[in-house]
Amino acid sequence: MRKILSILTTTALLTTASIANENTGCGLGSQIISNQDSVLMQIFAATTNGTSGNQTFGITSGTSGCAKPAKFVSNDRANEFVAGNMDALAKDISNGQGEALTTLATLLNVSNKDVFASKLQANFDKIYTSENVSSAEVIDNIVSLG
């Protein structure tokens, strides 16, 4: 029984290492364990990244060797606003004006609200891609318009 357990454990570790072979990801483990030439060191780096809980923080903040996603909106208020006002926002974007659109522009710190409104109106079909689009997709689509 011990032999089987040992084989399964070794196989699991090697499988994990082969997945992370090229890049163990960003985070504390990758920062601390810089010499990742061996499978064992890659396992330690990947395990530390996963168990320390800082990899997600690194991704969202752009720290610990992580790159912040280009389409990341860290404004919780804007995310909550869009989630709670999908229909009103869709109507305002299609009209190119309205309270929901002005509020979103304010939450996103947009300096020229008229240009913002015009851009969103012209790209309505790229923002609301279907009637089942999620609020997260709407935010991502708005941010991707630049």
C-alpha atoms as a PDB file:
ATOM      1  CA  MET A   1       0.000   0.000   0.000  1.00  0.00           C
ATOM      2  CA  ARG A   2       2.841   2.397   0.846  1.00  0.00           C
ATOM      3  CA  LYS A   3       4.480   1.696  -2.468  1.00  0.00           C
ATOM      4  CA  ILE A   4       1.304   2.557  -4.384  1.00  0.00           C
ATOM      5  CA  LEU A   5       0.807   5.734  -2.369  1.00  0.00           C
ATOM      6  CA  SER A   6       4.431   6.705  -2.996  1.00  0.00           C
ATOM      7  CA  ILE A   7       4.062   6.132  -6.742  1.00  0.00           C
ATOM      8  CA  LEU A   8       0.839   8.156  -6.881  1.00  0.00           C
ATOM      9  CA  THR A   9       2.409  11.020  -4.942  1.00  0.00           C
ATOM     10  CA  THR A  10       5.481  11.064  -7.175  1.00  0.00           C
ATOM     11  CA  THR A  11       3.324  10.975 -10.296  1.00  0.00           C
ATOM     12  CA  ALA A  12       1.205  13.853  -9.007  1.00  0.00           C
ATOM     13  CA  LEU A  13       4.280  15.936  -8.201  1.00  0.00           C
ATOM     14  CA  LEU A  14       5.865  15.291 -11.583  1.00  0.00           C
ATOM     15  CA  THR A  15       2.604  16.077 -13.367  1.00  0.00           C
ATOM     16  CA  THR A  16       2.327  19.346 -11.465  1.00  0.00           C
ATOM     17  CA  ALA A  17       5.921  20.157 -12.298  1.00  0.00           C
ATOM     18  CA  SER A  18       5.490  19.406 -15.982  1.00  0.00           C
ATOM     19  CA  ILE A  19       2.496  21.734 -16.158  1.00  0.00           C
ATOM     20  CA  ALA A  20       4.501  24.521 -14.507  1.00  0.00           C
ATOM     21  CA  ASN A  21       7.757  23.625 -16.248  1.00  0.00           C
ATOM     22  CA  GLU A  22       7.957  26.685 -18.480  1.00  0.00           C
ATOM     23  CA  ASN A  23       6.500  29.191 -16.081  1.00  0.00           C
ATOM     24  CA  THR A  24       5.463  28.645 -12.487  1.00  0.00           C
ATOM     25  CA  GLY A  25       3.441  31.806 -12.569  1.00  0.00           C
ATOM     26  CA  CYS A  26       3.866  35.005 -10.685  1.00  0.00           C
ATOM     27  CA  GLY A  27       3.683  35.455  -6.957  1.00  0.00           C
ATOM     28  CA  LEU A  28       5.696  35.016  -3.800  1.00  0.00           C
ATOM     29  CA  GLY A  29       7.100  31.597  -4.763  1.00  0.00           C
ATOM     30  CA  SER A  30       8.416  32.870  -8.079  1.00  0.00           C
ATOM     31  CA  GLN A  31       9.963  35.881  -6.351  1.00  0.00           C
ATOM     32  CA  ILE A  32      11.657  33.935  -3.543  1.00  0.00           C
ATOM     33  CA  ILE A  33      12.744  30.882  -5.549  1.00  0.00           C
ATOM     34  CA  SER A  34      14.553  32.452  -8.452  1.00  0.00           C
ATOM     35  CA  ASN A  35      16.597  29.360  -9.392  1.00  0.00           C
ATOM     36  CA  GLN A  36      13.904  27.156 -10.920  1.00  0.00           C
ATOM     37  CA  ASP A  37      16.188  24.917 -12.959  1.00  0.00           C
ATOM     38  CA  SER A  38      15.053  21.721 -11.271  1.00  0.00           C
ATOM     39  CA  VAL A  39      11.654  20.092 -11.044  1.00  0.00           C
ATOM     40  CA  LEU A  40      11.811  20.280  -7.267  1.00  0.00           C
ATOM     41  CA  MET A  41      12.409  24.051  -7.273  1.00  0.00           C
ATOM     42  CA  GLN A  42       9.542  24.573  -9.740  1.00  0.00           C
ATOM     43  CA  ILE A  43       7.278  22.510  -7.490  1.00  0.00           C
ATOM     44  CA  PHE A  44       8.270  24.639  -4.500  1.00  0.00           C
ATOM     45  CA  ALA A  45       7.698  27.872  -6.432  1.00  0.00           C
ATOM     46  CA  ALA A  46       4.307  26.786  -7.822  1.00  0.00           C
ATOM     47  CA  THR A  47       3.194  25.421  -4.446  1.00  0.00           C
ATOM     48  CA  THR A  48       4.228  28.595  -2.659  1.00  0.00           C
ATOM     49  CA  ASN A  49       2.402  30.682  -5.251  1.00  0.00           C
ATOM     50  CA  GLY A  50      -0.731  28.609  -4.797  1.00  0.00           C
ATOM     51  CA  THR A  51      -0.727  28.285  -1.029  1.00  0.00           C
ATOM     52  CA  SER A  52       0.413  31.771  -0.024  1.00  0.00           C
ATOM     53  CA  GLY A  53      -2.733  33.340  -1.470  1.00  0.00           C
ATOM     54  CA  ASN A  54      -0.843  36.270  -2.917  1.00  0.00           C
ATOM     55  CA  GLN A  55      -0.916  35.290  -6.574  1.00  0.00           C
ATOM     56  CA  THR A  56      -4.446  36.634  -7.028  1.00  0.00           C
ATOM     57  CA  PHE A  57      -3.464  39.853  -5.282  1.00  0.00           C
ATOM     58  CA  GLY A  58      -0.392  40.088  -7.523  1.00  0.00           C
ATOM     59  CA  ILE A  59      -2.487  39.692 -10.653  1.00  0.00           C
ATOM     60  CA  THR A  60      -5.039  42.312  -9.620  1.00  0.00           C
ATOM     61  CA  SER A  61      -2.443  44.787  -8.355  1.00  0.00           C
ATOM     62  CA  GLY A  62       0.345  44.153 -10.856  1.00  0.00           C
ATOM     63  CA  THR A  63       2.867  43.243  -8.112  1.00  0.00           C
ATOM     64  CA  SER A  64       4.966  40.155  -7.246  1.00  0.00           C
ATOM     65  CA  GLY A  65       6.112  39.787 -10.837  1.00  0.00           C
ATOM     66  CA  CYS A  66       2.527  39.657 -12.142  1.00  0.00           C
ATOM     67  CA  ALA A  67       1.195  41.741 -15.003  1.00  0.00           C
ATOM     68  CA  LYS A  68      -2.136  43.432 -14.392  1.00  0.00           C
ATOM     69  CA  PRO A  69      -4.641  42.493 -17.124  1.00  0.00           C
ATOM     70  CA  ALA A  70      -5.237  45.294 -19.614  1.00  0.00           C
ATOM     71  CA  LYS A  71      -9.012  44.938 -19.356  1.00  0.00           C
ATOM     72  CA  PHE A  72      -9.135  45.007 -15.543  1.00  0.00           C
ATOM     73  CA  VAL A  73     -11.486  47.443 -13.860  1.00  0.00           C
ATOM     74  CA  SER A  74     -10.590  47.712 -10.191  1.00  0.00           C
ATOM     75  CA  ASN A  75     -13.410  50.122  -9.446  1.00  0.00           C
ATOM     76  CA  ASP A  76     -15.817  48.026  -7.367  1.00  0.00           C
ATOM     77  CA  ARG A  77     -18.416  50.783  -7.420  1.00  0.00           C
ATOM     78  CA  ALA A  78     -18.442  50.818 -11.235  1.00  0.00           C
ATOM     79  CA  ASN A  79     -18.729  47.021 -11.354  1.00  0.00           C
ATOM     80  CA  GLU A  80     -21.617  47.076  -8.864  1.00  0.00           C
ATOM     81  CA  PHE A  81     -23.298  49.935 -10.707  1.00  0.00           C
ATOM     82  CA  VAL A  82     -23.215  48.129 -14.040  1.00  0.00           C
ATOM     83  CA  ALA A  83     -24.458  44.897 -12.446  1.00  0.00           C
ATOM     84  CA  GLY A  84     -27.420  46.700 -10.902  1.00  0.00           C
ATOM     85  CA  ASN A  85     -28.274  48.914 -13.875  1.00  0.00           C
ATOM     86  CA  MET A  86     -27.807  46.773 -16.987  1.00  0.00           C
ATOM     87  CA  ASP A  87     -31.129  47.733 -18.631  1.00  0.00           C
ATOM     88  CA  ALA A  88     -30.942  51.446 -17.856  1.00  0.00           C
ATOM     89  CA  LEU A  89     -27.329  51.561 -18.998  1.00  0.00           C
ATOM     90  CA  ALA A  90     -28.163  49.760 -22.250  1.00  0.00           C
ATOM     91  CA  LYS A  91     -30.942  52.262 -22.932  1.00  0.00           C
ATOM     92  CA  ASP A  92     -28.684  55.238 -22.183  1.00  0.00           C
ATOM     93  CA  ILE A  93     -25.824  53.902 -24.288  1.00  0.00           C
ATOM     94  CA  SER A  94     -28.168  53.312 -27.227  1.00  0.00           C
ATOM     95  CA  ASN A  95     -29.448  56.909 -26.852  1.00  0.00           C
ATOM     96  CA  GLY A  96     -25.969  58.344 -26.308  1.00  0.00           C
ATOM     97  CA  GLN A  97     -27.058  60.130 -23.138  1.00  0.00           C
ATOM     98  CA  GLY A  98     -28.753  59.613 -19.819  1.00  0.00           C
ATOM     99  CA  GLU A  99     -28.272  59.429 -16.085  1.00  0.00           C
ATOM    100  CA  ALA A 100     -26.916  55.863 -16.008  1.00  0.00           C
ATOM    101  CA  LEU A 101     -24.337  56.640 -18.689  1.00  0.00           C
ATOM    102  CA  THR A 102     -23.258  59.844 -16.923  1.00  0.00           C
ATOM    103  CA  THR A 103     -22.946  57.993 -13.620  1.00  0.00           C
ATOM    104  CA  LEU A 104     -20.808  55.265 -15.209  1.00  0.00           C
ATOM    105  CA  ALA A 105     -18.538  57.884 -16.795  1.00  0.00           C
ATOM    106  CA  THR A 106     -18.135  59.526 -13.392  1.00  0.00           C
ATOM    107  CA  LEU A 107     -17.340  56.203 -11.688  1.00  0.00           C
ATOM    108  CA  LEU A 108     -14.740  55.418 -14.369  1.00  0.00           C
ATOM    109  CA  ASN A 109     -13.197  58.911 -14.010  1.00  0.00           C
ATOM    110  CA  VAL A 110     -13.857  59.793 -17.642  1.00  0.00           C
ATOM    111  CA  SER A 111     -12.857  63.388 -18.322  1.00  0.00           C
ATOM    112  CA  ASN A 112     -14.783  63.994 -21.566  1.00  0.00           C
ATOM    113  CA  LYS A 113     -18.206  62.464 -20.983  1.00  0.00           C
ATOM    114  CA  ASP A 114     -19.604  63.551 -24.370  1.00  0.00           C
ATOM    115  CA  VAL A 115     -16.872  61.743 -26.315  1.00  0.00           C
ATOM    116  CA  PHE A 116     -17.285  58.731 -24.023  1.00  0.00           C
ATOM    117  CA  ALA A 117     -21.053  58.645 -24.621  1.00  0.00           C
ATOM    118  CA  SER A 118     -20.628  58.969 -28.399  1.00  0.00           C
ATOM    119  CA  LYS A 119     -18.025  56.213 -28.512  1.00  0.00           C
ATOM    120  CA  LEU A 120     -20.221  53.845 -26.520  1.00  0.00           C
ATOM    121  CA  GLN A 121     -23.287  54.665 -28.621  1.00  0.00           C
ATOM    122  CA  ALA A 122     -21.373  53.969 -31.845  1.00  0.00           C
ATOM    123  CA  ASN A 123     -20.179  50.639 -30.440  1.00  0.00           C
ATOM    124  CA  PHE A 124     -23.366  49.501 -28.702  1.00  0.00           C
ATOM    125  CA  ASP A 125     -23.315  46.100 -30.461  1.00  0.00           C
ATOM    126  CA  LYS A 126     -19.744  45.501 -29.247  1.00  0.00           C
ATOM    127  CA  ILE A 127     -20.735  46.274 -25.643  1.00  0.00           C
ATOM    128  CA  TYR A 128     -24.046  44.434 -25.410  1.00  0.00           C
ATOM    129  CA  THR A 129     -23.116  41.434 -27.539  1.00  0.00           C
ATOM    130  CA  SER A 130     -26.264  39.437 -26.711  1.00  0.00           C
ATOM    131  CA  GLU A 131     -29.347  39.724 -24.550  1.00  0.00           C
ATOM    132  CA  ASN A 132     -27.672  37.374 -22.050  1.00  0.00           C
ATOM    133  CA  VAL A 133     -24.448  39.383 -21.717  1.00  0.00           C
ATOM    134  CA  SER A 134     -23.114  39.592 -18.165  1.00  0.00           C
ATOM    135  CA  SER A 135     -22.248  42.812 -16.378  1.00  0.00           C
ATOM    136  CA  ALA A 136     -18.586  41.725 -16.258  1.00  0.00           C
ATOM    137  CA  GLU A 137     -18.590  41.313 -20.031  1.00  0.00           C
ATOM    138  CA  VAL A 138     -20.186  44.750 -20.450  1.00  0.00           C
ATOM    139  CA  ILE A 139     -17.452  46.348 -18.322  1.00  0.00           C
ATOM    140  CA  ASP A 140     -14.722  44.457 -20.210  1.00  0.00           C
ATOM    141  CA  ASN A 141     -16.244  45.481 -23.541  1.00  0.00           C
ATOM    142  CA  ILE A 142     -16.431  49.149 -22.504  1.00  0.00           C
ATOM    143  CA  VAL A 143     -12.828  49.134 -21.267  1.00  0.00           C
ATOM    144  CA  SER A 144     -11.604  47.418 -24.441  1.00  0.00           C
ATOM    145  CA  LEU A 145     -12.927  50.332 -26.502  1.00  0.00           C
ATOM    146  CA  GLY A 146     -10.186  52.389 -24.888  1.00  0.00           C
END
